[in-house]
Amino acid sequence: MAESSTLTPLAVAALALLAEGPSHPYEMYQTLIQRSEDRLVKVRPGSLYHTVDRLARHGLVRVTGTEREGNRPERTTYAITEEGTLALGERVAEIIGTPVNEYPEFPLGLGESHNLPVETVIALLRKRVHLVRADIAVHDEAIRAMRAKALPAMYWVDVRYLRAMAEADVATLEALIDDLDSGALSWDEEKH
């Protein structure tokens, strides 16, 4: 893995966990789920094991030990290497500093919403606002829990960001709904 940009989002998450301390993939998976990182990174146990194995082949992580508890399968513990730490830092810096068009589906649907009756669009937008507000409540609860645990804010700036984006999403969609309801945005204009 010569370039940090070849690190997938799951590889970044795995390296970041190993930067906190040695771990085995199943424990990493549980931590990602506990921290609700699955809202940011598509994570499944099998894909995480595959990712850690790939990181090991590229020298970004190393095996630190193997243990077995009772009849359970062996668990291999990994630690991040110096090369892994450098790759993680480079990739995080690249992600933060370089905007990338991620081709989200919602703007496409919104741009083509004129193909639906206006009443349907308004109902769907209201449903979406309701669901986004539910996400905001989840973010608020996560923030409350992290503050209660006195977890330093540097570990949950992503939650603050996601909450702010959700608030902006709600405000934008509510303004669009108002424009559609009032007729300020006409759905009856001739299509070209």
Protein backbone atom coordinates (compact mmCIF):
# COMPACT_ATOMS: atom_id res chain seq x y z
CA MET A 1 0.00 0.00 0.00
CA ALA A 2 2.25 2.69 -1.26
CA GLU A 3 -0.35 5.42 -1.27
CA SER A 4 -2.52 6.37 1.68
CA SER A 5 -5.41 7.08 -0.72
CA THR A 6 -5.70 3.32 -1.29
CA LEU A 7 -6.92 2.98 2.30
CA THR A 8 -10.63 2.26 2.28
CA PRO A 9 -12.87 3.89 4.88
CA LEU A 10 -12.94 0.59 6.78
CA ALA A 11 -9.13 0.40 6.69
CA VAL A 12 -8.96 3.93 8.11
CA ALA A 13 -11.37 2.95 10.90
CA ALA A 14 -9.36 -0.20 11.65
CA LEU A 15 -6.04 1.65 11.74
CA ALA A 16 -7.55 4.34 13.94
CA LEU A 17 -8.72 1.71 16.44
CA LEU A 18 -5.30 0.07 16.43
CA ALA A 19 -3.72 3.49 16.99
CA GLU A 20 -5.60 3.43 20.33
CA GLY A 21 -4.04 0.07 21.21
CA PRO A 22 -3.64 -3.54 20.09
CA SER A 23 -6.86 -5.41 19.39
CA HIS A 24 -8.30 -8.38 17.53
CA PRO A 25 -10.79 -7.90 14.67
CA TYR A 26 -13.84 -9.12 16.58
CA GLU A 27 -13.11 -6.67 19.42
CA MET A 28 -12.58 -3.94 16.79
CA TYR A 29 -15.94 -4.78 15.24
CA GLN A 30 -17.69 -4.56 18.62
CA THR A 31 -16.02 -1.20 19.34
CA LEU A 32 -17.07 0.21 15.95
CA ILE A 33 -20.67 -0.86 16.56
CA GLN A 34 -20.64 0.43 20.16
CA ARG A 35 -19.39 3.81 18.94
CA SER A 36 -21.98 3.85 16.12
CA GLU A 37 -19.16 4.08 13.59
CA ASP A 38 -21.28 1.87 11.35
CA ARG A 39 -23.15 5.08 10.50
CA LEU A 40 -19.95 6.35 8.88
CA VAL A 41 -18.30 3.19 7.60
CA LYS A 42 -19.89 0.10 6.12
CA VAL A 43 -18.67 -2.60 8.50
CA ARG A 44 -19.31 -6.32 8.70
CA PRO A 45 -17.23 -8.82 10.68
CA GLY A 46 -16.05 -10.62 7.53
CA SER A 47 -15.06 -7.44 5.75
CA LEU A 48 -13.19 -6.23 8.83
CA TYR A 49 -11.19 -9.48 9.08
CA HIS A 50 -10.36 -9.20 5.37
CA THR A 51 -9.32 -5.56 5.77
CA VAL A 52 -7.05 -6.29 8.76
CA ASP A 53 -5.48 -9.19 6.84
CA ARG A 54 -4.81 -6.88 3.88
CA LEU A 55 -3.32 -4.23 6.21
CA ALA A 56 -1.02 -6.92 7.67
CA ARG A 57 0.10 -8.05 4.19
CA HIS A 58 1.04 -4.45 3.43
CA GLY A 59 2.95 -3.98 6.67
CA LEU A 60 0.56 -1.41 8.15
CA VAL A 61 -0.34 -3.67 11.10
CA ARG A 62 1.48 -6.59 12.71
CA VAL A 63 0.43 -9.61 14.74
CA THR A 64 1.21 -9.23 18.43
CA GLY A 65 -0.24 -12.48 19.69
CA THR A 66 -2.85 -15.20 19.47
CA GLU A 67 -5.14 -16.34 22.25
CA ARG A 68 -7.92 -18.85 22.72
CA GLU A 69 -10.67 -18.80 25.34
CA GLY A 70 -12.36 -22.13 25.94
CA ASN A 71 -13.92 -23.59 22.81
CA ARG A 72 -13.86 -20.27 20.98
CA PRO A 73 -11.78 -19.84 17.82
CA GLU A 74 -8.28 -18.39 18.12
CA ARG A 75 -8.15 -14.62 18.18
CA THR A 76 -5.19 -12.90 16.62
CA THR A 77 -4.31 -9.53 18.13
CA TYR A 78 -2.87 -6.83 15.90
CA ALA A 79 -1.03 -3.56 16.50
CA ILE A 80 -0.46 -0.65 14.13
CA THR A 81 3.07 -0.29 12.72
CA GLU A 82 4.99 2.93 12.21
CA GLU A 83 4.18 2.70 8.49
CA GLY A 84 0.51 2.20 9.39
CA THR A 85 0.55 5.28 11.61
CA LEU A 86 2.02 7.35 8.77
CA ALA A 87 -0.48 5.98 6.22
CA LEU A 88 -3.37 6.67 8.61
CA GLY A 89 -2.24 10.27 9.15
CA GLU A 90 -1.76 10.87 5.43
CA ARG A 91 -5.17 9.42 4.54
CA VAL A 92 -7.03 11.34 7.27
CA ALA A 93 -5.33 14.56 6.14
CA GLU A 94 -6.31 13.81 2.54
CA ILE A 95 -9.93 13.11 3.49
CA ILE A 96 -10.21 16.31 5.54
CA GLY A 97 -8.41 18.60 3.11
CA THR A 98 -9.64 17.39 -0.27
CA PRO A 99 -13.34 17.62 -1.18
CA VAL A 100 -14.51 14.62 -3.21
CA ASN A 101 -17.81 14.25 -5.03
CA GLU A 102 -19.20 11.11 -3.43
CA TYR A 103 -22.23 10.95 -5.74
CA PRO A 104 -24.96 10.74 -3.11
CA GLU A 105 -28.31 9.53 -4.43
CA PHE A 106 -30.55 12.08 -2.74
CA PRO A 107 -29.57 15.07 -4.94
CA LEU A 108 -30.21 12.92 -7.99
CA GLY A 109 -33.68 12.02 -6.72
CA LEU A 110 -34.36 15.62 -5.81
CA GLY A 111 -33.23 16.81 -9.24
CA GLU A 112 -35.60 14.35 -10.88
CA SER A 113 -38.50 14.85 -8.46
CA HIS A 114 -40.36 16.87 -11.12
CA ASN A 115 -41.25 13.45 -12.57
CA LEU A 116 -43.59 12.88 -9.60
CA PRO A 117 -46.78 14.69 -8.65
CA VAL A 118 -46.07 17.66 -6.37
CA GLU A 119 -48.24 16.19 -3.62
CA THR A 120 -46.12 13.04 -3.63
CA VAL A 121 -42.90 15.05 -3.51
CA ILE A 122 -44.17 17.11 -0.57
CA ALA A 123 -45.22 13.95 1.31
CA LEU A 124 -41.86 12.28 0.64
CA LEU A 125 -39.94 15.39 1.73
CA ARG A 126 -41.97 15.56 4.95
CA LYS A 127 -41.20 11.89 5.58
CA ARG A 128 -37.49 12.55 4.98
CA VAL A 129 -37.53 15.56 7.35
CA HIS A 130 -39.13 13.35 10.01
CA LEU A 131 -36.40 10.70 9.56
CA VAL A 132 -33.60 13.27 9.58
CA ARG A 133 -35.03 14.77 12.79
CA ALA A 134 -34.88 11.26 14.28
CA ASP A 135 -31.20 11.12 13.29
CA ILE A 136 -30.66 14.47 15.00
CA ALA A 137 -32.18 13.01 18.16
CA VAL A 138 -29.75 10.07 17.91
CA HIS A 139 -26.84 12.52 17.52
CA ASP A 140 -28.08 14.54 20.50
CA GLU A 141 -28.23 11.40 22.64
CA ALA A 142 -24.75 10.38 21.51
CA ILE A 143 -23.41 13.82 22.38
CA ARG A 144 -25.11 13.69 25.77
CA ALA A 145 -23.64 10.24 26.47
CA MET A 146 -20.13 11.29 25.42
CA ARG A 147 -20.29 14.39 27.58
CA ALA A 148 -21.54 12.28 30.51
CA LYS A 149 -18.53 9.99 30.06
CA ALA A 150 -16.28 13.07 29.88
CA LEU A 151 -14.98 11.81 26.55
CA PRO A 152 -12.82 14.55 25.04
CA ALA A 153 -14.58 16.36 22.21
CA MET A 154 -11.76 15.56 19.79
CA TYR A 155 -13.08 11.98 19.67
CA TRP A 156 -16.56 12.96 18.55
CA VAL A 157 -16.18 15.94 16.22
CA ASP A 158 -17.70 13.71 13.54
CA VAL A 159 -20.95 13.50 15.53
CA ARG A 160 -21.05 17.29 15.87
CA TYR A 161 -20.47 17.61 12.12
CA LEU A 162 -23.16 15.06 11.23
CA ARG A 163 -25.63 16.77 13.54
CA ALA A 164 -24.95 20.18 11.97
CA MET A 165 -25.34 18.74 8.46
CA ALA A 166 -28.64 17.12 9.46
CA GLU A 167 -29.90 20.45 10.86
CA ALA A 168 -28.94 22.18 7.59
CA ASP A 169 -30.67 19.39 5.65
CA VAL A 170 -33.89 19.87 7.65
CA ALA A 171 -33.83 23.66 7.20
CA THR A 172 -33.27 23.35 3.44
CA LEU A 173 -35.96 20.71 2.99
CA GLU A 174 -38.50 22.62 5.09
CA ALA A 175 -37.88 25.73 2.96
CA LEU A 176 -38.40 23.63 -0.18
CA ILE A 177 -41.62 22.18 1.25
CA ASP A 178 -42.84 25.71 2.05
CA ASP A 179 -42.06 26.82 -1.51
CA LEU A 180 -43.93 23.85 -2.95
CA ASP A 181 -46.89 24.30 -0.57
CA SER A 182 -47.20 28.02 -1.30
CA GLY A 183 -46.76 27.67 -5.04
CA ALA A 184 -43.60 29.82 -5.01
CA LEU A 185 -42.00 26.85 -6.74
CA SER A 186 -44.41 25.84 -9.48
CA TRP A 187 -44.78 22.25 -10.54
CA ASP A 188 -47.14 23.13 -13.36
CA GLU A 189 -44.69 24.87 -15.66
CA GLU A 190 -44.24 23.33 -19.06
CA LYS A 191 -41.42 20.79 -19.11
CA HIS A 192 -38.75 21.21 -21.75
